[in-house]
Amino acid sequence: MPSYKKERYKDIEERFSEAILSYCNRKDISIKTLSLAMDVDYNSLQNYVNKRTEPTISTFAKVIRYLGVSADYIINGGGKR
């Protein structure tokens, strides 16, 4: 994979992780509480935050919808956060 693609994936992973952590901080909740509220496996959510694994498209959509974050922001770094 070309290095520019690797960097792009890192940016997406970073924004996705940051969106989850930011939401938890704003709401003063744990990742465990968030995982229960969203009905997303806790270990999976923890892995997304730590950038160990990538979510499926359906889980990605579920998480950003719940967090109120636009896909454009996560994928491209633009648009409404």
C-alpha atoms as a PDB file:
ATOM      1  CA  MET A   1       0.000   0.000   0.000  1.00  0.00           C
ATOM      2  CA  PRO A   2       1.412   3.416  -0.918  1.00  0.00           C
ATOM      3  CA  SER A   3       2.476   5.566   2.026  1.00  0.00           C
ATOM      4  CA  TYR A   4      -0.087   8.303   1.271  1.00  0.00           C
ATOM      5  CA  LYS A   5      -2.881   5.712   1.661  1.00  0.00           C
ATOM      6  CA  LYS A   6      -1.422   4.512   4.949  1.00  0.00           C
ATOM      7  CA  GLU A   7      -1.384   8.082   6.225  1.00  0.00           C
ATOM      8  CA  ARG A   8      -4.989   8.598   5.124  1.00  0.00           C
ATOM      9  CA  TYR A   9      -6.099   5.465   7.004  1.00  0.00           C
ATOM     10  CA  LYS A  10      -4.217   6.651  10.081  1.00  0.00           C
ATOM     11  CA  ASP A  11      -6.052   9.968   9.890  1.00  0.00           C
ATOM     12  CA  ILE A  12      -9.422   8.210   9.643  1.00  0.00           C
ATOM     13  CA  GLU A  13      -8.583   5.919  12.560  1.00  0.00           C
ATOM     14  CA  GLU A  14      -7.441   8.907  14.606  1.00  0.00           C
ATOM     15  CA  ARG A  15     -10.615  10.937  13.944  1.00  0.00           C
ATOM     16  CA  PHE A  16     -12.840   7.930  14.685  1.00  0.00           C
ATOM     17  CA  SER A  17     -11.006   7.233  17.943  1.00  0.00           C
ATOM     18  CA  GLU A  18     -11.061  10.915  18.899  1.00  0.00           C
ATOM     19  CA  ALA A  19     -14.794  11.172  18.208  1.00  0.00           C
ATOM     20  CA  ILE A  20     -15.526   8.279  20.564  1.00  0.00           C
ATOM     21  CA  LEU A  21     -13.266   9.583  23.320  1.00  0.00           C
ATOM     22  CA  SER A  22     -14.541  13.140  22.950  1.00  0.00           C
ATOM     23  CA  TYR A  23     -18.151  11.968  23.249  1.00  0.00           C
ATOM     24  CA  CYS A  24     -17.323   9.973  26.396  1.00  0.00           C
ATOM     25  CA  ASN A  25     -15.533  12.960  27.923  1.00  0.00           C
ATOM     26  CA  ARG A  26     -18.368  15.369  27.110  1.00  0.00           C
ATOM     27  CA  LYS A  27     -20.994  13.021  28.572  1.00  0.00           C
ATOM     28  CA  ASP A  28     -18.720  11.924  31.438  1.00  0.00           C
ATOM     29  CA  ILE A  29     -19.274   8.257  30.644  1.00  0.00           C
ATOM     30  CA  SER A  30     -17.000   5.283  30.202  1.00  0.00           C
ATOM     31  CA  ILE A  31     -16.423   3.428  26.970  1.00  0.00           C
ATOM     32  CA  LYS A  32     -18.173   0.475  28.620  1.00  0.00           C
ATOM     33  CA  THR A  33     -21.294   2.589  29.236  1.00  0.00           C
ATOM     34  CA  LEU A  34     -21.190   3.866  25.672  1.00  0.00           C
ATOM     35  CA  SER A  35     -20.838   0.349  24.286  1.00  0.00           C
ATOM     36  CA  LEU A  36     -23.903  -0.782  26.233  1.00  0.00           C
ATOM     37  CA  ALA A  37     -25.932   2.247  25.119  1.00  0.00           C
ATOM     38  CA  MET A  38     -25.032   1.648  21.469  1.00  0.00           C
ATOM     39  CA  ASP A  39     -25.258  -2.143  21.655  1.00  0.00           C
ATOM     40  CA  VAL A  40     -21.711  -2.442  20.321  1.00  0.00           C
ATOM     41  CA  ASP A  41     -19.325  -4.982  21.795  1.00  0.00           C
ATOM     42  CA  TYR A  42     -17.143  -3.325  24.459  1.00  0.00           C
ATOM     43  CA  ASN A  43     -13.924  -5.010  23.299  1.00  0.00           C
ATOM     44  CA  SER A  44     -14.587  -3.934  19.724  1.00  0.00           C
ATOM     45  CA  LEU A  45     -15.188  -0.326  20.766  1.00  0.00           C
ATOM     46  CA  GLN A  46     -12.035  -0.404  22.874  1.00  0.00           C
ATOM     47  CA  ASN A  47     -10.105  -1.736  19.869  1.00  0.00           C
ATOM     48  CA  TYR A  48     -11.416   1.125  17.681  1.00  0.00           C
ATOM     49  CA  VAL A  49     -10.338   3.664  20.284  1.00  0.00           C
ATOM     50  CA  ASN A  50      -6.883   2.092  20.492  1.00  0.00           C
ATOM     51  CA  LYS A  51      -6.692   1.774  16.700  1.00  0.00           C
ATOM     52  CA  ARG A  52      -6.158  -1.992  16.815  1.00  0.00           C
ATOM     53  CA  THR A  53      -9.037  -2.931  14.508  1.00  0.00           C
ATOM     54  CA  GLU A  54     -11.375  -1.254  12.058  1.00  0.00           C
ATOM     55  CA  PRO A  55     -15.150  -1.342  12.380  1.00  0.00           C
ATOM     56  CA  THR A  56     -17.400  -2.900   9.785  1.00  0.00           C
ATOM     57  CA  ILE A  57     -19.317  -0.416   7.662  1.00  0.00           C
ATOM     58  CA  SER A  58     -22.521  -1.108   9.613  1.00  0.00           C
ATOM     59  CA  THR A  59     -20.780  -0.595  12.974  1.00  0.00           C
ATOM     60  CA  PHE A  60     -19.046   2.539  11.673  1.00  0.00           C
ATOM     61  CA  ALA A  61     -22.440   3.939  10.610  1.00  0.00           C
ATOM     62  CA  LYS A  62     -24.040   2.981  13.925  1.00  0.00           C
ATOM     63  CA  VAL A  63     -21.297   4.656  15.961  1.00  0.00           C
ATOM     64  CA  ILE A  64     -21.154   7.926  14.033  1.00  0.00           C
ATOM     65  CA  ARG A  65     -24.948   8.183  14.010  1.00  0.00           C
ATOM     66  CA  TYR A  66     -25.058   7.690  17.767  1.00  0.00           C
ATOM     67  CA  LEU A  67     -22.251  10.184  18.347  1.00  0.00           C
ATOM     68  CA  GLY A  68     -23.770  12.716  15.964  1.00  0.00           C
ATOM     69  CA  VAL A  69     -20.584  12.941  13.908  1.00  0.00           C
ATOM     70  CA  SER A  70     -20.657  13.194  10.121  1.00  0.00           C
ATOM     71  CA  ALA A  71     -19.054  10.522   7.975  1.00  0.00           C
ATOM     72  CA  ASP A  72     -17.484  13.325   5.945  1.00  0.00           C
ATOM     73  CA  TYR A  73     -15.660  14.559   9.032  1.00  0.00           C
ATOM     74  CA  ILE A  74     -14.334  11.097   9.927  1.00  0.00           C
ATOM     75  CA  ILE A  75     -13.344  10.116   6.394  1.00  0.00           C
ATOM     76  CA  ASN A  76     -12.162  13.425   4.947  1.00  0.00           C
ATOM     77  CA  GLY A  77     -11.546  15.611   7.972  1.00  0.00           C
ATOM     78  CA  GLY A  78     -14.021  18.148   6.622  1.00  0.00           C
ATOM     79  CA  GLY A  79     -17.641  18.973   6.904  1.00  0.00           C
ATOM     80  CA  LYS A  80     -19.662  19.215  10.073  1.00  0.00           C
ATOM     81  CA  ARG A  81     -18.126  17.443  12.980  1.00  0.00           C
END
